[in-house]
Protein backbone atom coordinates (compact mmCIF):
# COMPACT_ATOMS: atom_id res chain seq x y z
CA MET A 1 -16.40 -8.62 4.78
CA THR A 2 -18.54 -5.69 3.65
CA SER A 3 -17.48 -4.32 0.29
CA LEU A 4 -18.51 -0.95 -1.07
CA GLY A 5 -18.56 -2.49 -4.52
CA ALA A 6 -21.15 -5.09 -3.50
CA VAL A 7 -23.83 -2.91 -1.90
CA THR A 8 -26.47 -0.48 -3.10
CA TRP A 9 -26.69 3.01 -1.68
CA PRO A 10 -29.70 2.30 0.61
CA GLU A 11 -27.74 -0.58 2.17
CA LEU A 12 -24.88 1.61 3.36
CA PRO A 13 -24.48 1.96 7.14
CA GLU A 14 -24.70 5.43 8.64
CA ARG A 15 -21.38 7.32 8.46
CA PRO A 16 -19.15 4.21 8.08
CA LEU A 17 -15.38 3.93 8.18
CA LEU A 18 -14.29 3.55 4.56
CA VAL A 19 -11.03 1.60 4.20
CA VAL A 20 -9.27 2.30 0.89
CA PRO A 21 -6.31 0.23 -0.40
CA LEU A 22 -3.76 2.35 -2.29
CA GLY A 23 -1.17 0.56 -4.40
CA ALA A 24 0.83 0.88 -7.60
CA VAL A 25 1.44 -0.73 -10.97
CA GLU A 26 5.20 -1.18 -11.13
CA GLN A 27 7.89 -3.77 -11.67
CA HIS A 28 8.64 -6.19 -8.85
CA GLY A 29 11.54 -8.12 -10.26
CA PRO A 30 11.22 -11.11 -12.58
CA HIS A 31 9.14 -13.15 -10.13
CA LEU A 32 6.38 -10.92 -8.70
CA PRO A 33 3.46 -9.32 -10.57
CA LEU A 34 3.22 -5.63 -11.37
CA THR A 35 0.24 -5.32 -9.03
CA THR A 36 2.08 -6.60 -5.94
CA ASP A 37 1.67 -3.41 -3.90
CA THR A 38 -2.04 -3.22 -4.67
CA ALA A 39 -2.54 -6.89 -3.81
CA ILE A 40 -0.83 -6.52 -0.44
CA ALA A 41 -2.64 -3.29 0.46
CA THR A 42 -5.96 -4.88 -0.50
CA ALA A 43 -5.27 -7.99 1.59
CA VAL A 44 -4.44 -5.84 4.63
CA ALA A 45 -7.53 -3.66 4.18
CA ASP A 46 -9.77 -6.66 3.55
CA ARG A 47 -8.73 -8.44 6.73
CA ALA A 48 -8.91 -5.25 8.78
CA VAL A 49 -12.48 -4.59 7.63
CA ASP A 50 -13.43 -8.08 8.82
CA ARG A 51 -12.32 -7.07 12.33
CA LEU A 52 -13.85 -3.58 12.41
CA ASP A 53 -17.54 -3.06 13.08
CA GLY A 54 -19.27 -0.85 10.56
CA ALA A 55 -16.31 -0.66 8.18
CA LEU A 56 -16.48 -0.87 4.39
CA LEU A 57 -13.78 -2.03 1.98
CA ALA A 58 -13.49 0.32 -0.99
CA PRO A 59 -12.29 -0.75 -4.44
CA ALA A 60 -8.52 -0.28 -4.58
CA LEU A 61 -6.82 2.78 -5.99
CA ALA A 62 -4.46 0.73 -8.12
CA TYR A 63 -2.10 3.38 -9.53
CA GLY A 64 0.40 5.48 -7.62
CA ALA A 65 3.61 7.47 -7.90
CA SER A 66 6.24 5.07 -9.23
CA GLY A 67 8.62 7.27 -11.18
CA GLU A 68 11.68 5.51 -9.78
CA HIS A 69 10.57 2.32 -11.56
CA GLU A 70 9.71 3.82 -14.95
CA ASP A 71 12.85 2.45 -16.63
CA PHE A 72 11.17 -0.97 -16.42
CA PRO A 73 8.41 -1.93 -18.89
CA GLY A 74 5.00 -2.36 -17.31
CA THR A 75 5.31 0.42 -14.77
CA VAL A 76 2.53 3.02 -14.95
CA SER A 77 3.01 6.06 -12.72
CA LEU A 78 0.59 8.90 -12.07
CA GLY A 79 3.29 10.97 -10.38
CA THR A 80 3.10 12.73 -7.03
CA GLU A 81 1.22 15.83 -8.21
CA ALA A 82 -1.58 13.92 -9.91
CA LEU A 83 -1.85 11.42 -7.06
CA THR A 84 -2.07 14.27 -4.55
CA GLY A 85 -4.97 15.78 -6.46
CA LEU A 86 -6.70 12.41 -6.75
CA LEU A 87 -6.44 11.78 -3.00
CA VAL A 88 -7.72 15.25 -2.12
CA GLU A 89 -10.78 14.88 -4.34
CA TYR A 90 -11.37 11.31 -3.17
CA GLY A 91 -11.37 12.41 0.47
CA ARG A 92 -13.66 15.35 -0.19
CA SER A 93 -16.18 13.22 -2.06
CA ALA A 94 -16.18 10.15 0.18
CA CYS A 95 -16.52 12.23 3.34
CA ARG A 96 -19.89 13.50 2.14
CA TRP A 97 -21.29 10.17 3.39
CA ALA A 98 -18.46 8.33 5.19
CA GLY A 99 -17.69 9.24 8.77
CA ARG A 100 -13.99 8.44 8.34
CA VAL A 101 -11.74 7.47 5.46
CA LEU A 102 -8.63 5.37 6.05
CA ILE A 103 -6.16 4.89 3.18
CA VAL A 104 -4.04 1.74 3.51
CA ASN A 105 -0.88 2.45 1.54
CA GLY A 106 1.08 -0.36 -0.08
CA HIS A 107 3.77 1.66 -1.92
CA GLY A 108 6.49 3.88 -0.47
CA GLY A 109 6.52 6.13 -3.51
CA ASN A 110 3.04 7.35 -2.57
CA LEU A 111 4.18 8.89 0.70
CA ASP A 112 4.83 12.43 -0.53
CA ALA A 113 1.33 12.60 -1.99
CA LEU A 114 -0.25 11.21 1.18
CA ARG A 115 1.68 13.62 3.42
CA THR A 116 0.40 16.54 1.36
CA ALA A 117 -3.13 15.46 0.49
CA VAL A 118 -4.35 14.01 3.77
CA PRO A 119 -3.43 16.99 6.00
CA ARG A 120 -5.05 19.29 3.43
CA VAL A 121 -8.32 17.36 3.56
CA ARG A 122 -8.18 17.14 7.35
CA ALA A 123 -7.70 20.90 7.55
CA GLU A 124 -11.01 21.22 5.73
CA GLY A 125 -12.74 19.35 8.57
CA ARG A 126 -12.85 15.89 7.01
CA ASP A 127 -11.71 12.87 9.06
CA VAL A 128 -9.21 11.21 6.73
CA ALA A 129 -6.03 9.33 7.66
CA TRP A 130 -3.52 6.94 6.10
CA PHE A 131 -1.70 3.87 7.37
CA PRO A 132 1.45 2.31 5.86
CA CYS A 133 1.96 -1.36 5.03
CA GLY A 134 5.28 -1.34 6.86
CA PHE A 135 7.19 -4.39 8.08
CA PRO A 136 9.99 -3.68 10.58
CA GLY A 137 13.19 -5.40 9.46
CA GLY A 138 11.77 -6.19 6.02
CA ASP A 139 13.74 -5.70 2.84
CA ALA A 140 12.91 -2.90 0.45
CA HIS A 141 11.42 -4.23 -2.77
CA ALA A 142 10.61 -7.66 -4.24
CA GLY A 143 12.78 -9.40 -1.68
CA ARG A 144 11.91 -11.92 1.01
CA THR A 145 9.25 -9.76 2.67
CA GLU A 146 7.06 -9.05 -0.36
CA THR A 147 7.66 -12.50 -1.82
CA SER A 148 6.47 -14.16 1.41
CA LEU A 149 3.40 -11.92 1.50
CA MET A 150 2.52 -12.73 -2.10
CA LEU A 151 3.05 -16.46 -1.53
CA HIS A 152 0.34 -16.14 1.12
CA VAL A 153 -1.99 -13.68 -0.63
CA GLU A 154 -1.72 -14.64 -4.32
CA PRO A 155 0.57 -17.68 -4.57
CA GLU A 156 -0.48 -18.45 -8.13
CA GLN A 157 1.02 -15.13 -9.25
CA VAL A 158 4.54 -15.81 -7.91
CA ARG A 159 7.11 -17.14 -10.42
CA ARG A 160 9.38 -18.79 -7.86
CA ASP A 161 11.66 -20.29 -10.50
CA ARG A 162 12.54 -16.78 -11.74
CA ALA A 163 13.43 -15.30 -8.34
CA VAL A 164 16.93 -13.82 -8.11
CA THR A 165 18.96 -12.00 -5.49
CA GLY A 166 19.01 -8.26 -6.07
CA GLU A 167 20.86 -5.34 -4.52
CA THR A 168 21.04 -6.03 -0.78
CA THR A 169 22.62 -2.78 0.43
CA PRO A 170 20.38 -1.24 3.13
CA ILE A 171 17.81 1.07 1.62
CA GLY A 172 19.04 4.08 3.60
CA ALA A 173 22.40 3.88 1.88
CA LEU A 174 20.78 3.44 -1.54
CA LEU A 175 18.29 6.31 -1.37
CA PRO A 176 20.49 9.05 -2.87
CA ARG A 177 21.19 6.93 -5.98
CA LEU A 178 17.61 5.68 -6.20
CA ARG A 179 16.29 9.23 -6.20
CA ALA A 180 18.86 10.49 -8.67
CA GLU A 181 19.10 7.55 -11.07
CA GLY A 182 16.09 5.27 -10.47
CA VAL A 183 15.88 1.64 -9.44
CA ARG A 184 17.24 0.11 -12.64
CA ALA A 185 20.58 1.91 -12.26
CA VAL A 186 20.95 0.37 -8.80
CA SER A 187 19.48 -3.09 -9.50
CA PRO A 188 19.15 -4.24 -13.14
CA THR A 189 16.67 -6.95 -12.05
CA GLY A 190 14.52 -4.49 -10.11
CA VAL A 191 14.98 -6.44 -6.85
CA LEU A 192 16.15 -4.62 -3.71
CA GLY A 193 16.70 -7.52 -1.33
CA ASP A 194 16.87 -11.30 -1.55
CA PRO A 195 13.73 -13.43 -2.00
CA ALA A 196 15.56 -16.61 -0.94
CA GLY A 197 13.82 -18.33 1.97
CA ALA A 198 10.47 -16.65 1.39
CA GLY A 199 7.44 -18.70 2.34
CA ALA A 200 3.67 -18.49 2.67
CA GLU A 201 3.73 -19.15 6.44
CA GLU A 202 6.05 -16.20 6.95
CA GLY A 203 3.76 -14.10 4.77
CA ALA A 204 0.75 -15.08 6.86
CA ARG A 205 2.55 -14.04 10.06
CA LEU A 206 3.61 -10.72 8.56
CA LEU A 207 0.11 -9.97 7.32
CA ASP A 208 -1.57 -10.93 10.58
CA GLY A 209 0.82 -8.75 12.57
CA LEU A 210 0.22 -5.75 10.35
CA VAL A 211 -3.57 -6.17 10.45
CA GLY A 212 -3.39 -6.35 14.22
CA ARG A 213 -1.42 -3.09 14.37
CA LEU A 214 -3.85 -1.41 12.01
CA THR A 215 -6.98 -2.44 13.89
CA SER A 216 -5.44 -1.36 17.19
CA ALA A 217 -4.58 2.01 15.69
CA VAL A 218 -8.14 2.45 14.43
CA GLY A 219 -9.34 1.90 18.00
CA THR A 220 -7.35 4.87 19.30
CA TRP A 221 -7.52 6.97 16.08
CA ARG A 222 -4.49 9.14 16.77
CA ILE A 223 -3.40 11.10 13.70
CA ASP A 224 -0.02 12.82 13.40
CA GLY A 225 0.74 16.04 11.55
CA ALA A 226 1.35 14.17 8.29
CA GLY A 227 -2.10 12.56 8.47
CA ARG A 228 -0.73 9.17 9.45
CA LEU A 229 -2.70 6.90 11.77
CA SER A 230 -0.29 5.83 14.48
C-alpha cells in the first residue's frame, strides 16, 4: 500500500490516482463503534489501492452528513451543505497534483453532497468521481452486513454481547419516517436490520467482492451524471 500520509512531496508519483475514504461519526447501535462507516470505507480504499498501480490512499475524511442520527449521543454531523463545500474544495486542491480523485463513500447520508459537489468539480475540468460502499441484499444500518464487515476489519471494536435485533422493515418502506423523524423514532436502538448470524468470513467475502467491483470500475472509468463511478 502507498499512503499519502507516509510520503514526502518529492516521493509522489506523477499525476497519481488519489483514493479518498469518506465516512461518518454516528451511532451504529449498541454493538458497533461510531466510526464504523469510516472504518469500512478505509478498508475498501486500502485494499483497492493495493491492486491499482500508481494509486495513493489518502487520510480518511471521517465526518459526514448524519443528521438522521443526531438524536443519539456521539453522532457528529457536518450537514449536507458544509460537506458539499468541503468536497468541492478538496477536489479543487487535490487535482492540482493528482491526475484523478476517487472518493470511496461509506455512508448513505453523504450522497446528496456527493451528487452536488462531484459534478460541480468535474464541470470545472477536474477528474473526480465517487464510488459507494454498497452491498446488494444487505441490510440498512448496524445489521448483519455491517457487523460482518466490522468483524473482519476491526473485530476488537465489535461488542457482540450487546448486539440486538432492530427494525427489520425494508429501508424503502422506512424512508419517509426516517427523513421526517430520524432514526431513533423508527428504531430506539439505532439498528436497522438484524446482526444475528454475522461473521468475519462473511465480512471478508463482502469486502473482497466490493473491492473487485471498485477496481474493475477504475479500469473502465465511466462516470455518470451524478459523478458516480459505475
